[in-house]
Amino acid sequence: QVQLVESGGGLVQPGGSLRLSCVVSGSIGSGSIYRMGWYRKAPGKQREWVVDITTSGRTSYADSVKGRFTISRDNAKNTVYLQMNSLKFDDTAVYYCNGAPLDGKNYWGQGTQVTVSS
C-alpha cells in the first residue's frame, strides 16, 4: 500500500508563489517510484498533466507552466515538491500528485486546492 499526501495549496494573488509538497508513505518510498508528477483539474475541465520528474532527475513540463513551475524530489524525505511562481488565474485548480512506478501501477493523492484570485 502506497499513500501520497499533498499539501501547500491555498489562495494567492496573481503573480504570487506557492510551493506544493507530496509526501509518499507506505510500502515503497518516493525513490523507488520511477516517475513522480503533478496533474491538475480546473472547474469544468478535464484533469491535465502539468509536470513530472524521473528517478534520474529528468523533468518534463507542460508548455503552460514552463519557466514558472519547478518540480524537485527529495528521496531522503520521500517528498516531491512543486514550486509555482508567477501564478495566473488559469492556474486555479485542484493539484494532484501522481506516482508511476515501472510496474505499471499508478498512485494518486487526494489533491490540494490552488486558487489564484485578486
PDB file of N, CA and C in Angstrom:
ATOM      1  N   GLN A   1       0.853  -1.192   0.000  1.00  0.00           N
ATOM      2  CA  GLN A   1       0.000   0.000   0.000  1.00  0.00           C
ATOM      3  C   GLN A   1       0.888   1.240   0.000  1.00  0.00           C
ATOM      4  N   VAL A   2       0.588   2.154  -0.897  1.00  0.00           N
ATOM      5  CA  VAL A   2       1.338   3.398  -1.018  1.00  0.00           C
ATOM      6  C   VAL A   2       0.363   4.559  -0.904  1.00  0.00           C
ATOM      7  N   GLN A   3       0.723   5.549  -0.100  1.00  0.00           N
ATOM      8  CA  GLN A   3      -0.111   6.733   0.043  1.00  0.00           C
ATOM      9  C   GLN A   3       0.663   7.965  -0.385  1.00  0.00           C
ATOM     10  N   LEU A   4      -0.030   8.855  -1.056  1.00  0.00           N
ATOM     11  CA  LEU A   4       0.522  10.146  -1.443  1.00  0.00           C
ATOM     12  C   LEU A   4      -0.343  11.224  -0.796  1.00  0.00           C
ATOM     13  N   VAL A   5       0.280  12.139  -0.097  1.00  0.00           N
ATOM     14  CA  VAL A   5      -0.457  13.202   0.577  1.00  0.00           C
ATOM     15  C   VAL A   5       0.114  14.546   0.159  1.00  0.00           C
ATOM     16  N   GLU A   6      -0.733  15.365  -0.458  1.00  0.00           N
ATOM     17  CA  GLU A   6      -0.323  16.694  -0.900  1.00  0.00           C
ATOM     18  C   GLU A   6      -0.630  17.725   0.175  1.00  0.00           C
ATOM     19  N   SER A   7       0.123  18.793   0.127  1.00  0.00           N
ATOM     20  CA  SER A   7      -0.132  19.946   0.994  1.00  0.00           C
ATOM     21  C   SER A   7       0.466  21.181   0.333  1.00  0.00           C
ATOM     22  N   GLY A   8       0.102  22.341   0.875  1.00  0.00           N
ATOM     23  CA  GLY A   8       0.697  23.585   0.393  1.00  0.00           C
ATOM     24  C   GLY A   8      -0.205  24.429  -0.474  1.00  0.00           C
ATOM     25  N   GLY A   9      -1.378  23.921  -0.803  1.00  0.00           N
ATOM     26  CA  GLY A   9      -2.286  24.729  -1.599  1.00  0.00           C
ATOM     27  C   GLY A   9      -2.843  25.897  -0.808  1.00  0.00           C
ATOM     28  N   GLY A  10      -3.533  26.783  -1.509  1.00  0.00           N
ATOM     29  CA  GLY A  10      -4.127  27.925  -0.830  1.00  0.00           C
ATOM     30  C   GLY A  10      -4.564  28.991  -1.807  1.00  0.00           C
ATOM     31  N   LEU A  11      -4.823  30.153  -1.262  1.00  0.00           N
ATOM     32  CA  LEU A  11      -5.264  31.309  -2.040  1.00  0.00           C
ATOM     33  C   LEU A  11      -4.088  32.253  -2.229  1.00  0.00           C
ATOM     34  N   VAL A  12      -3.863  32.651  -3.460  1.00  0.00           N
ATOM     35  CA  VAL A  12      -2.741  33.540  -3.753  1.00  0.00           C
ATOM     36  C   VAL A  12      -3.158  34.528  -4.831  1.00  0.00           C
ATOM     37  N   GLN A  13      -2.571  35.699  -4.806  1.00  0.00           N
ATOM     38  CA  GLN A  13      -2.869  36.712  -5.816  1.00  0.00           C
ATOM     39  C   GLN A  13      -2.097  36.416  -7.103  1.00  0.00           C
ATOM     40  N   PRO A  14      -2.586  36.909  -8.208  1.00  0.00           N
ATOM     41  CA  PRO A  14      -1.827  36.750  -9.464  1.00  0.00           C
ATOM     42  C   PRO A  14      -0.415  37.288  -9.309  1.00  0.00           C
ATOM     43  N   GLY A  15       0.535  36.541  -9.873  1.00  0.00           N
ATOM     44  CA  GLY A  15       1.931  36.909  -9.731  1.00  0.00           C
ATOM     45  C   GLY A  15       2.603  36.337  -8.499  1.00  0.00           C
ATOM     46  N   GLY A  16       1.814  35.760  -7.622  1.00  0.00           N
ATOM     47  CA  GLY A  16       2.357  35.199  -6.393  1.00  0.00           C
ATOM     48  C   GLY A  16       2.928  33.812  -6.575  1.00  0.00           C
ATOM     49  N   SER A  17       3.360  33.224  -5.451  1.00  0.00           N
ATOM     50  CA  SER A  17       4.012  31.917  -5.479  1.00  0.00           C
ATOM     51  C   SER A  17       3.424  30.993  -4.422  1.00  0.00           C
ATOM     52  N   LEU A  18       3.501  29.717  -4.698  1.00  0.00           N
ATOM     53  CA  LEU A  18       3.155  28.680  -3.742  1.00  0.00           C
ATOM     54  C   LEU A  18       4.096  27.507  -3.957  1.00  0.00           C
ATOM     55  N   ARG A  19       4.299  26.746  -2.903  1.00  0.00           N
ATOM     56  CA  ARG A  19       5.063  25.513  -3.035  1.00  0.00           C
ATOM     57  C   ARG A  19       4.217  24.352  -2.529  1.00  0.00           C
ATOM     58  N   LEU A  20       3.957  23.435  -3.409  1.00  0.00           N
ATOM     59  CA  LEU A  20       3.217  22.229  -3.050  1.00  0.00           C
ATOM     60  C   LEU A  20       4.195  21.123  -2.666  1.00  0.00           C
ATOM     61  N   SER A  21       3.753  20.298  -1.743  1.00  0.00           N
ATOM     62  CA  SER A  21       4.546  19.137  -1.325  1.00  0.00           C
ATOM     63  C   SER A  21       3.714  17.871  -1.477  1.00  0.00           C
ATOM     64  N   CYS A  22       4.375  16.787  -1.770  1.00  0.00           N
ATOM     65  CA  CYS A  22       3.720  15.484  -1.863  1.00  0.00           C
ATOM     66  C   CYS A  22       4.591  14.481  -1.118  1.00  0.00           C
ATOM     67  N   VAL A  23       4.072  13.986  -0.027  1.00  0.00           N
ATOM     68  CA  VAL A  23       4.810  13.016   0.782  1.00  0.00           C
ATOM     69  C   VAL A  23       4.336  11.608   0.442  1.00  0.00           C
ATOM     70  N   VAL A  24       5.295  10.746   0.164  1.00  0.00           N
ATOM     71  CA  VAL A  24       4.997   9.350  -0.175  1.00  0.00           C
ATOM     72  C   VAL A  24       5.252   8.478   1.049  1.00  0.00           C
ATOM     73  N   SER A  25       4.314   7.643   1.385  1.00  0.00           N
ATOM     74  CA  SER A  25       4.494   6.724   2.508  1.00  0.00           C
ATOM     75  C   SER A  25       3.920   5.373   2.135  1.00  0.00           C
ATOM     76  N   GLY A  26       4.316   4.377   2.920  1.00  0.00           N
ATOM     77  CA  GLY A  26       3.790   3.043   2.669  1.00  0.00           C
ATOM     78  C   GLY A  26       4.892   2.059   2.353  1.00  0.00           C
ATOM     79  N   SER A  27       4.576   1.132   1.476  1.00  0.00           N
ATOM     80  CA  SER A  27       5.469   0.009   1.220  1.00  0.00           C
ATOM     81  C   SER A  27       6.705   0.386   0.410  1.00  0.00           C
ATOM     82  N   ILE A  28       6.641   1.504  -0.308  1.00  0.00           N
ATOM     83  CA  ILE A  28       7.815   1.960  -1.044  1.00  0.00           C
ATOM     84  C   ILE A  28       7.984   3.454  -0.852  1.00  0.00           C
ATOM     85  N   GLY A  29       9.202   3.922  -0.973  1.00  0.00           N
ATOM     86  CA  GLY A  29       9.449   5.349  -0.864  1.00  0.00           C
ATOM     87  C   GLY A  29       9.462   6.004  -2.231  1.00  0.00           C
ATOM     88  N   SER A  30       9.530   7.313  -2.213  1.00  0.00           N
ATOM     89  CA  SER A  30       9.477   8.036  -3.484  1.00  0.00           C
ATOM     90  C   SER A  30      10.653   7.691  -4.376  1.00  0.00           C
ATOM     91  N   GLY A  31      11.788   7.324  -3.764  1.00  0.00           N
ATOM     92  CA  GLY A  31      12.964   6.981  -4.554  1.00  0.00           C
ATOM     93  C   GLY A  31      12.796   5.733  -5.384  1.00  0.00           C
ATOM     94  N   SER A  32      11.801   4.911  -5.044  1.00  0.00           N
ATOM     95  CA  SER A  32      11.528   3.694  -5.797  1.00  0.00           C
ATOM     96  C   SER A  32      10.458   3.892  -6.862  1.00  0.00           C
ATOM     97  N   ILE A  33       9.910   5.066  -6.905  1.00  0.00           N
ATOM     98  CA  ILE A  33       8.867   5.353  -7.893  1.00  0.00           C
ATOM     99  C   ILE A  33       9.511   6.077  -9.056  1.00  0.00           C
ATOM    100  N   TYR A  34       9.485   5.428 -10.227  1.00  0.00           N
ATOM    101  CA  TYR A  34      10.237   5.935 -11.375  1.00  0.00           C
ATOM    102  C   TYR A  34       9.854   7.370 -11.738  1.00  0.00           C
ATOM    103  N   ARG A  35       8.575   7.593 -11.868  1.00  0.00           N
ATOM    104  CA  ARG A  35       8.131   8.925 -12.293  1.00  0.00           C
ATOM    105  C   ARG A  35       7.164   9.487 -11.270  1.00  0.00           C
ATOM    106  N   MET A  36       7.480  10.664 -10.763  1.00  0.00           N
ATOM    107  CA  MET A  36       6.585  11.401  -9.873  1.00  0.00           C
ATOM    108  C   MET A  36       6.148  12.654 -10.612  1.00  0.00           C
ATOM    109  N   GLY A  37       4.896  12.975 -10.498  1.00  0.00           N
ATOM    110  CA  GLY A  37       4.418  14.131 -11.244  1.00  0.00           C
ATOM    111  C   GLY A  37       3.254  14.834 -10.587  1.00  0.00           C
ATOM    112  N   TRP A  38       2.845  15.903 -11.215  1.00  0.00           N
ATOM    113  CA  TRP A  38       1.691  16.678 -10.775  1.00  0.00           C
ATOM    114  C   TRP A  38       0.728  16.833 -11.936  1.00  0.00           C
ATOM    115  N   TYR A  39      -0.545  16.689 -11.613  1.00  0.00           N
ATOM    116  CA  TYR A  39      -1.636  16.934 -12.533  1.00  0.00           C
ATOM    117  C   TYR A  39      -2.543  17.976 -11.873  1.00  0.00           C
ATOM    118  N   ARG A  40      -3.409  18.554 -12.676  1.00  0.00           N
ATOM    119  CA  ARG A  40      -4.370  19.484 -12.101  1.00  0.00           C
ATOM    120  C   ARG A  40      -5.701  19.389 -12.812  1.00  0.00           C
ATOM    121  N   LYS A  41      -6.756  19.737 -12.089  1.00  0.00           N
ATOM    122  CA  LYS A  41      -8.095  19.731 -12.658  1.00  0.00           C
ATOM    123  C   LYS A  41      -8.785  21.035 -12.273  1.00  0.00           C
ATOM    124  N   ALA A  42      -9.054  21.822 -13.295  1.00  0.00           N
ATOM    125  CA  ALA A  42      -9.759  23.076 -13.097  1.00  0.00           C
ATOM    126  C   ALA A  42     -11.265  22.842 -13.229  1.00  0.00           C
ATOM    127  N   PRO A  43     -12.078  23.697 -12.647  1.00  0.00           N
ATOM    128  CA  PRO A  43     -13.541  23.546 -12.740  1.00  0.00           C
ATOM    129  C   PRO A  43     -13.998  23.500 -14.198  1.00  0.00           C
ATOM    130  N   GLY A  44     -14.783  22.494 -14.536  1.00  0.00           N
ATOM    131  CA  GLY A  44     -15.326  22.388 -15.879  1.00  0.00           C
ATOM    132  C   GLY A  44     -14.359  21.858 -16.919  1.00  0.00           C
ATOM    133  N   LYS A  45     -13.157  21.484 -16.485  1.00  0.00           N
ATOM    134  CA  LYS A  45     -12.152  20.985 -17.422  1.00  0.00           C
ATOM    135  C   LYS A  45     -11.704  19.594 -17.018  1.00  0.00           C
ATOM    136  N   GLN A  46     -11.075  18.900 -17.954  1.00  0.00           N
ATOM    137  CA  GLN A  46     -10.535  17.590 -17.649  1.00  0.00           C
ATOM    138  C   GLN A  46      -9.208  17.736 -16.908  1.00  0.00           C
ATOM    139  N   ARG A  47      -8.860  16.691 -16.181  1.00  0.00           N
ATOM    140  CA  ARG A  47      -7.576  16.705 -15.499  1.00  0.00           C
ATOM    141  C   ARG A  47      -6.473  16.740 -16.542  1.00  0.00           C
ATOM    142  N   GLU A  48      -5.453  17.549 -16.288  1.00  0.00           N
ATOM    143  CA  GLU A  48      -4.364  17.680 -17.244  1.00  0.00           C
ATOM    144  C   GLU A  48      -3.022  17.470 -16.544  1.00  0.00           C
ATOM    145  N   TRP A  49      -2.096  16.935 -17.299  1.00  0.00           N
ATOM    146  CA  TRP A  49      -0.731  16.744 -16.815  1.00  0.00           C
ATOM    147  C   TRP A  49      -0.027  18.097 -16.745  1.00  0.00           C
ATOM    148  N   VAL A  50       0.764  18.296 -15.703  1.00  0.00           N
ATOM    149  CA  VAL A  50       1.470  19.556 -15.509  1.00  0.00           C
ATOM    150  C   VAL A  50       2.981  19.364 -15.639  1.00  0.00           C
ATOM    151  N   VAL A  51       3.499  18.386 -14.901  1.00  0.00           N
ATOM    152  CA  VAL A  51       4.948  18.238 -14.844  1.00  0.00           C
ATOM    153  C   VAL A  51       5.278  16.874 -14.255  1.00  0.00           C
ATOM    154  N   ASP A  52       6.452  16.328 -14.598  1.00  0.00           N
ATOM    155  CA  ASP A  52       6.909  15.132 -13.913  1.00  0.00           C
ATOM    156  C   ASP A  52       8.427  15.088 -13.864  1.00  0.00           C
ATOM    157  N   ILE A  53       8.908  14.196 -12.999  1.00  0.00           N
ATOM    158  CA  ILE A  53      10.342  14.042 -12.800  1.00  0.00           C
ATOM    159  C   ILE A  53      10.632  12.564 -12.602  1.00  0.00           C
ATOM    160  N   THR A  54      11.695  12.088 -13.240  1.00  0.00           N
ATOM    161  CA  THR A  54      12.055  10.683 -13.101  1.00  0.00           C
ATOM    162  C   THR A  54      13.079  10.507 -11.983  1.00  0.00           C
ATOM    163  N   THR A  55      13.392   9.263 -11.695  1.00  0.00           N
ATOM    164  CA  THR A  55      14.373   8.993 -10.645  1.00  0.00           C
ATOM    165  C   THR A  55      15.756   9.530 -11.008  1.00  0.00           C
ATOM    166  N   SER A  56      16.016   9.698 -12.288  1.00  0.00           N
ATOM    167  CA  SER A  56      17.313  10.252 -12.708  1.00  0.00           C
ATOM    168  C   SER A  56      17.318  11.772 -12.682  1.00  0.00           C
ATOM    169  N   GLY A  57      16.160  12.366 -12.390  1.00  0.00           N
ATOM    170  CA  GLY A  57      16.077  13.816 -12.315  1.00  0.00           C
ATOM    171  C   GLY A  57      15.636  14.491 -13.606  1.00  0.00           C
ATOM    172  N   ARG A  58      15.303  13.680 -14.609  1.00  0.00           N
ATOM    173  CA  ARG A  58      14.837  14.274 -15.855  1.00  0.00           C
ATOM    174  C   ARG A  58      13.429  14.821 -15.648  1.00  0.00           C
ATOM    175  N   THR A  59      13.235  16.067 -16.086  1.00  0.00           N
ATOM    176  CA  THR A  59      11.951  16.733 -15.892  1.00  0.00           C
ATOM    177  C   THR A  59      11.280  17.045 -17.226  1.00  0.00           C
ATOM    178  N   SER A  60       9.969  17.097 -17.175  1.00  0.00           N
ATOM    179  CA  SER A  60       9.167  17.493 -18.332  1.00  0.00           C
ATOM    180  C   SER A  60       8.065  18.407 -17.843  1.00  0.00           C
ATOM    181  N   TYR A  61       7.791  19.459 -18.607  1.00  0.00           N
ATOM    182  CA  TYR A  61       6.806  20.452 -18.204  1.00  0.00           C
ATOM    183  C   TYR A  61       5.801  20.701 -19.324  1.00  0.00           C
ATOM    184  N   ALA A  62       4.569  20.923 -18.936  1.00  0.00           N
ATOM    185  CA  ALA A  62       3.579  21.395 -19.891  1.00  0.00           C
ATOM    186  C   ALA A  62       3.958  22.800 -20.328  1.00  0.00           C
ATOM    187  N   ASP A  63       3.659  23.134 -21.562  1.00  0.00           N
ATOM    188  CA  ASP A  63       4.022  24.453 -22.084  1.00  0.00           C
ATOM    189  C   ASP A  63       3.420  25.578 -21.248  1.00  0.00           C
ATOM    190  N   SER A  64       2.254  25.336 -20.695  1.00  0.00           N
ATOM    191  CA  SER A  64       1.548  26.390 -19.961  1.00  0.00           C
ATOM    192  C   SER A  64       2.252  26.779 -18.667  1.00  0.00           C
ATOM    193  N   VAL A  65       3.134  25.933 -18.165  1.00  0.00           N
ATOM    194  CA  VAL A  65       3.796  26.235 -16.893  1.00  0.00           C
ATOM    195  C   VAL A  65       5.309  26.352 -17.036  1.00  0.00           C
ATOM    196  N   LYS A  66       5.820  26.082 -18.205  1.00  0.00           N
ATOM    197  CA  LYS A  66       7.262  26.108 -18.419  1.00  0.00           C
ATOM    198  C   LYS A  66       7.831  27.482 -18.095  1.00  0.00           C
ATOM    199  N   GLY A  67       8.910  27.482 -17.320  1.00  0.00           N
ATOM    200  CA  GLY A  67       9.522  28.741 -16.928  1.00  0.00           C
ATOM    201  C   GLY A  67       8.939  29.341 -15.666  1.00  0.00           C
ATOM    202  N   ARG A  68       7.801  28.814 -15.213  1.00  0.00           N
ATOM    203  CA  ARG A  68       7.173  29.346 -13.990  1.00  0.00           C
ATOM    204  C   ARG A  68       7.145  28.313 -12.867  1.00  0.00           C
ATOM    205  N   PHE A  69       6.998  27.056 -13.219  1.00  0.00           N
ATOM    206  CA  PHE A  69       6.911  25.976 -12.230  1.00  0.00           C
ATOM    207  C   PHE A  69       8.201  25.174 -12.241  1.00  0.00           C
ATOM    208  N   THR A  70       8.568  24.666 -11.070  1.00  0.00           N
ATOM    209  CA  THR A  70       9.740  23.815 -10.954  1.00  0.00           C
ATOM    210  C   THR A  70       9.423  22.625 -10.065  1.00  0.00           C
ATOM    211  N   ILE A  71       9.684  21.432 -10.581  1.00  0.00           N
ATOM    212  CA  ILE A  71       9.479  20.218  -9.794  1.00  0.00           C
ATOM    213  C   ILE A  71      10.826  19.732  -9.274  1.00  0.00           C
ATOM    214  N   SER A  72      10.799  19.190  -8.070  1.00  0.00           N
ATOM    215  CA  SER A  72      12.006  18.613  -7.497  1.00  0.00           C
ATOM    216  C   SER A  72      11.601  17.460  -6.584  1.00  0.00           C
ATOM    217  N   ARG A  73      12.559  16.609  -6.278  1.00  0.00           N
ATOM    218  CA  ARG A  73      12.265  15.496  -5.387  1.00  0.00           C
ATOM    219  C   ARG A  73      13.399  15.310  -4.396  1.00  0.00           C
ATOM    220  N   ASP A  74      13.030  15.025  -3.169  1.00  0.00           N
ATOM    221  CA  ASP A  74      13.974  14.747  -2.097  1.00  0.00           C
ATOM    222  C   ASP A  74      13.663  13.329  -1.618  1.00  0.00           C
ATOM    223  N   ASN A  75      14.394  12.372  -2.165  1.00  0.00           N
ATOM    224  CA  ASN A  75      14.082  10.976  -1.851  1.00  0.00           C
ATOM    225  C   ASN A  75      14.377  10.627  -0.404  1.00  0.00           C
ATOM    226  N   ALA A  76      15.298  11.344   0.210  1.00  0.00           N
ATOM    227  CA  ALA A  76      15.588  11.098   1.618  1.00  0.00           C
ATOM    228  C   ALA A  76      14.379  11.423   2.488  1.00  0.00           C
ATOM    229  N   LYS A  77      13.567  12.367   2.013  1.00  0.00           N
ATOM    230  CA  LYS A  77      12.365  12.768   2.743  1.00  0.00           C
ATOM    231  C   LYS A  77      11.104  12.185   2.110  1.00  0.00           C
ATOM    232  N   ASN A  78      11.274  11.358   1.070  1.00  0.00           N
ATOM    233  CA  ASN A  78      10.117  10.779   0.366  1.00  0.00           C
ATOM    234  C   ASN A  78       9.131  11.865  -0.054  1.00  0.00           C
ATOM    235  N   THR A  79       9.665  12.949  -0.555  1.00  0.00           N
ATOM    236  CA  THR A  79       8.820  14.106  -0.867  1.00  0.00           C
ATOM    237  C   THR A  79       9.140  14.656  -2.246  1.00  0.00           C
ATOM    238  N   VAL A  80       8.091  15.053  -2.931  1.00  0.00           N
ATOM    239  CA  VAL A  80       8.209  15.739  -4.211  1.00  0.00           C
ATOM    240  C   VAL A  80       7.616  17.131  -4.034  1.00  0.00           C
ATOM    241  N   TYR A  81       8.275  18.112  -4.609  1.00  0.00           N
ATOM    242  CA  TYR A  81       7.837  19.493  -4.462  1.00  0.00           C
ATOM    243  C   TYR A  81       7.458  20.075  -5.830  1.00  0.00           C
ATOM    244  N   LEU A  82       6.544  21.033  -5.781  1.00  0.00           N
ATOM    245  CA  LEU A  82       6.219  21.808  -6.967  1.00  0.00           C
ATOM    246  C   LEU A  82       6.254  23.276  -6.570  1.00  0.00           C
ATOM    247  N   GLN A  83       7.289  23.963  -7.022  1.00  0.00           N
ATOM    248  CA  GLN A  83       7.399  25.400  -6.786  1.00  0.00           C
ATOM    249  C   GLN A  83       6.687  26.115  -7.917  1.00  0.00           C
ATOM    250  N   MET A  84       5.699  26.916  -7.572  1.00  0.00           N
ATOM    251  CA  MET A  84       4.903  27.609  -8.575  1.00  0.00           C
ATOM    252  C   MET A  84       5.078  29.104  -8.405  1.00  0.00           C
ATOM    253  N   ASN A  85       5.637  29.742  -9.410  1.00  0.00           N
ATOM    254  CA  ASN A  85       5.869  31.183  -9.389  1.00  0.00           C
ATOM    255  C   ASN A  85       5.038  31.855 -10.481  1.00  0.00           C
ATOM    256  N   SER A  86       4.918  33.154 -10.368  1.00  0.00           N
ATOM    257  CA  SER A  86       4.189  33.943 -11.371  1.00  0.00           C
ATOM    258  C   SER A  86       2.827  33.321 -11.667  1.00  0.00           C
ATOM    259  N   LEU A  87       2.104  33.009 -10.630  1.00  0.00           N
ATOM    260  CA  LEU A  87       0.829  32.323 -10.796  1.00  0.00           C
ATOM    261  C   LEU A  87      -0.192  33.190 -11.523  1.00  0.00           C
ATOM    262  N   LYS A  88      -0.996  32.520 -12.331  1.00  0.00           N
ATOM    263  CA  LYS A  88      -2.016  33.183 -13.125  1.00  0.00           C
ATOM    264  C   LYS A  88      -3.394  32.668 -12.727  1.00  0.00           C
ATOM    265  N   PHE A  89      -4.417  33.405 -13.135  1.00  0.00           N
ATOM    266  CA  PHE A  89      -5.786  32.957 -12.863  1.00  0.00           C
ATOM    267  C   PHE A  89      -6.010  31.537 -13.395  1.00  0.00           C
ATOM    268  N   ASP A  90      -5.455  31.255 -14.572  1.00  0.00           N
ATOM    269  CA  ASP A  90      -5.657  29.948 -15.202  1.00  0.00           C
ATOM    270  C   ASP A  90      -4.990  28.797 -14.457  1.00  0.00           C
ATOM    271  N   ASP A  91      -4.165  29.107 -13.482  1.00  0.00           N
ATOM    272  CA  ASP A  91      -3.540  28.048 -12.686  1.00  0.00           C
ATOM    273  C   ASP A  91      -4.458  27.546 -11.579  1.00  0.00           C
ATOM    274  N   THR A  92      -5.583  28.204 -11.404  1.00  0.00           N
ATOM    275  CA  THR A  92      -6.538  27.771 -10.388  1.00  0.00           C
ATOM    276  C   THR A  92      -7.044  26.367 -10.701  1.00  0.00           C
ATOM    277  N   ALA A  93      -6.870  25.466  -9.749  1.00  0.00           N
ATOM    278  CA  ALA A  93      -7.253  24.061  -9.969  1.00  0.00           C
ATOM    279  C   ALA A  93      -6.976  23.268  -8.696  1.00  0.00           C
ATOM    280  N   VAL A  94      -7.465  22.045  -8.696  1.00  0.00           N
ATOM    281  CA  VAL A  94      -7.028  21.091  -7.681  1.00  0.00           C
ATOM    282  C   VAL A  94      -5.802  20.377  -8.254  1.00  0.00           C
ATOM    283  N   TYR A  95      -4.727  20.383  -7.497  1.00  0.00           N
ATOM    284  CA  TYR A  95      -3.474  19.788  -7.934  1.00  0.00           C
ATOM    285  C   TYR A  95      -3.309  18.410  -7.284  1.00  0.00           C
ATOM    286  N   TYR A  96      -3.004  17.429  -8.128  1.00  0.00           N
ATOM    287  CA  TYR A  96      -2.875  16.049  -7.675  1.00  0.00           C
ATOM    288  C   TYR A  96      -1.451  15.548  -7.893  1.00  0.00           C
ATOM    289  N   CYS A  97      -0.935  14.905  -6.892  1.00  0.00           N
ATOM    290  CA  CYS A  97       0.359  14.249  -7.000  1.00  0.00           C
ATOM    291  C   CYS A  97       0.155  12.852  -7.568  1.00  0.00           C
ATOM    292  N   ASN A  98       1.054  12.449  -8.428  1.00  0.00           N
ATOM    293  CA  ASN A  98       0.968  11.135  -9.062  1.00  0.00           C
ATOM    294  C   ASN A  98       2.297  10.409  -8.960  1.00  0.00           C
ATOM    295  N   GLY A  99       2.214   9.124  -8.669  1.00  0.00           N
ATOM    296  CA  GLY A  99       3.407   8.294  -8.650  1.00  0.00           C
ATOM    297  C   GLY A  99       3.253   7.129  -9.605  1.00  0.00           C
ATOM    298  N   ALA A 100       4.209   6.959 -10.484  1.00  0.00           N
ATOM    299  CA  ALA A 100       4.123   5.913 -11.506  1.00  0.00           C
ATOM    300  C   ALA A 100       5.386   5.065 -11.477  1.00  0.00           C
ATOM    301  N   PRO A 101       5.340   3.949 -10.739  1.00  0.00           N
ATOM    302  CA  PRO A 101       6.487   3.038 -10.750  1.00  0.00           C
ATOM    303  C   PRO A 101       6.568   2.289 -12.076  1.00  0.00           C
ATOM    304  N   LEU A 102       7.639   1.560 -12.262  1.00  0.00           N
ATOM    305  CA  LEU A 102       7.833   0.832 -13.509  1.00  0.00           C
ATOM    306  C   LEU A 102       6.946  -0.405 -13.615  1.00  0.00           C
ATOM    307  N   ASP A 103       6.279  -0.807 -12.528  1.00  0.00           N
ATOM    308  CA  ASP A 103       5.434  -1.997 -12.586  1.00  0.00           C
ATOM    309  C   ASP A 103       4.057  -1.711 -13.168  1.00  0.00           C
ATOM    310  N   GLY A 104       3.829  -0.486 -13.621  1.00  0.00           N
ATOM    311  CA  GLY A 104       2.570  -0.159 -14.262  1.00  0.00           C
ATOM    312  C   GLY A 104       1.489   0.355 -13.343  1.00  0.00           C
ATOM    313  N   LYS A 105       1.734   0.307 -12.033  1.00  0.00           N
ATOM    314  CA  LYS A 105       0.737   0.844 -11.112  1.00  0.00           C
ATOM    315  C   LYS A 105       0.753   2.366 -11.156  1.00  0.00           C
ATOM    316  N   ASN A 106      -0.292   2.927 -10.619  1.00  0.00           N
ATOM    317  CA  ASN A 106      -0.451   4.375 -10.610  1.00  0.00           C
ATOM    318  C   ASN A 106      -1.009   4.787  -9.257  1.00  0.00           C
ATOM    319  N   TYR A 107      -0.340   5.703  -8.604  1.00  0.00           N
ATOM    320  CA  TYR A 107      -0.785   6.154  -7.291  1.00  0.00           C
ATOM    321  C   TYR A 107      -1.150   7.628  -7.356  1.00  0.00           C
ATOM    322  N   TRP A 108      -2.222   7.983  -6.637  1.00  0.00           N
ATOM    323  CA  TRP A 108      -2.701   9.365  -6.637  1.00  0.00           C
ATOM    324  C   TRP A 108      -2.910   9.861  -5.209  1.00  0.00           C
ATOM    325  N   GLY A 109      -2.652  11.142  -5.036  1.00  0.00           N
ATOM    326  CA  GLY A 109      -3.011  11.778  -3.789  1.00  0.00           C
ATOM    327  C   GLY A 109      -4.443  12.270  -3.840  1.00  0.00           C
ATOM    328  N   GLN A 110      -4.886  12.879  -2.761  1.00  0.00           N
ATOM    329  CA  GLN A 110      -6.264  13.322  -2.665  1.00  0.00           C
ATOM    330  C   GLN A 110      -6.468  14.713  -3.262  1.00  0.00           C
ATOM    331  N   GLY A 111      -5.391  15.419  -3.537  1.00  0.00           N
ATOM    332  CA  GLY A 111      -5.480  16.732  -4.160  1.00  0.00           C
ATOM    333  C   GLY A 111      -5.392  17.873  -3.177  1.00  0.00           C
ATOM    334  N   THR A 112      -4.886  18.985  -3.657  1.00  0.00           N
ATOM    335  CA  THR A 112      -4.826  20.207  -2.856  1.00  0.00           C
ATOM    336  C   THR A 112      -5.268  21.374  -3.742  1.00  0.00           C
ATOM    337  N   GLN A 113      -6.121  22.235  -3.179  1.00  0.00           N
ATOM    338  CA  GLN A 113      -6.704  23.321  -3.964  1.00  0.00           C
ATOM    339  C   GLN A 113      -5.748  24.497  -4.061  1.00  0.00           C
ATOM    340  N   VAL A 114      -5.572  24.979  -5.272  1.00  0.00           N
ATOM    341  CA  VAL A 114      -4.822  26.210  -5.522  1.00  0.00           C
ATOM    342  C   VAL A 114      -5.781  27.204  -6.179  1.00  0.00           C
ATOM    343  N   THR A 115      -5.941  28.354  -5.558  1.00  0.00           N
ATOM    344  CA  THR A 115      -6.830  29.374  -6.091  1.00  0.00           C
ATOM    345  C   THR A 115      -6.041  30.659  -6.291  1.00  0.00           C
ATOM    346  N   VAL A 116      -6.037  31.138  -7.524  1.00  0.00           N
ATOM    347  CA  VAL A 116      -5.360  32.392  -7.851  1.00  0.00           C
ATOM    348  C   VAL A 116      -6.447  33.436  -8.079  1.00  0.00           C
ATOM    349  N   SER A 117      -6.478  34.413  -7.203  1.00  0.00           N
ATOM    350  CA  SER A 117      -7.544  35.400  -7.258  1.00  0.00           C
ATOM    351  C   SER A 117      -7.067  36.715  -6.670  1.00  0.00           C
ATOM    352  N   SER A 118      -7.577  37.801  -7.225  1.00  0.00           N
ATOM    353  CA  SER A 118      -7.249  39.113  -6.687  1.00  0.00           C
ATOM    354  C   SER A 118      -8.334  39.570  -5.717  1.00  0.00           C
TER     355      SER A 118
END
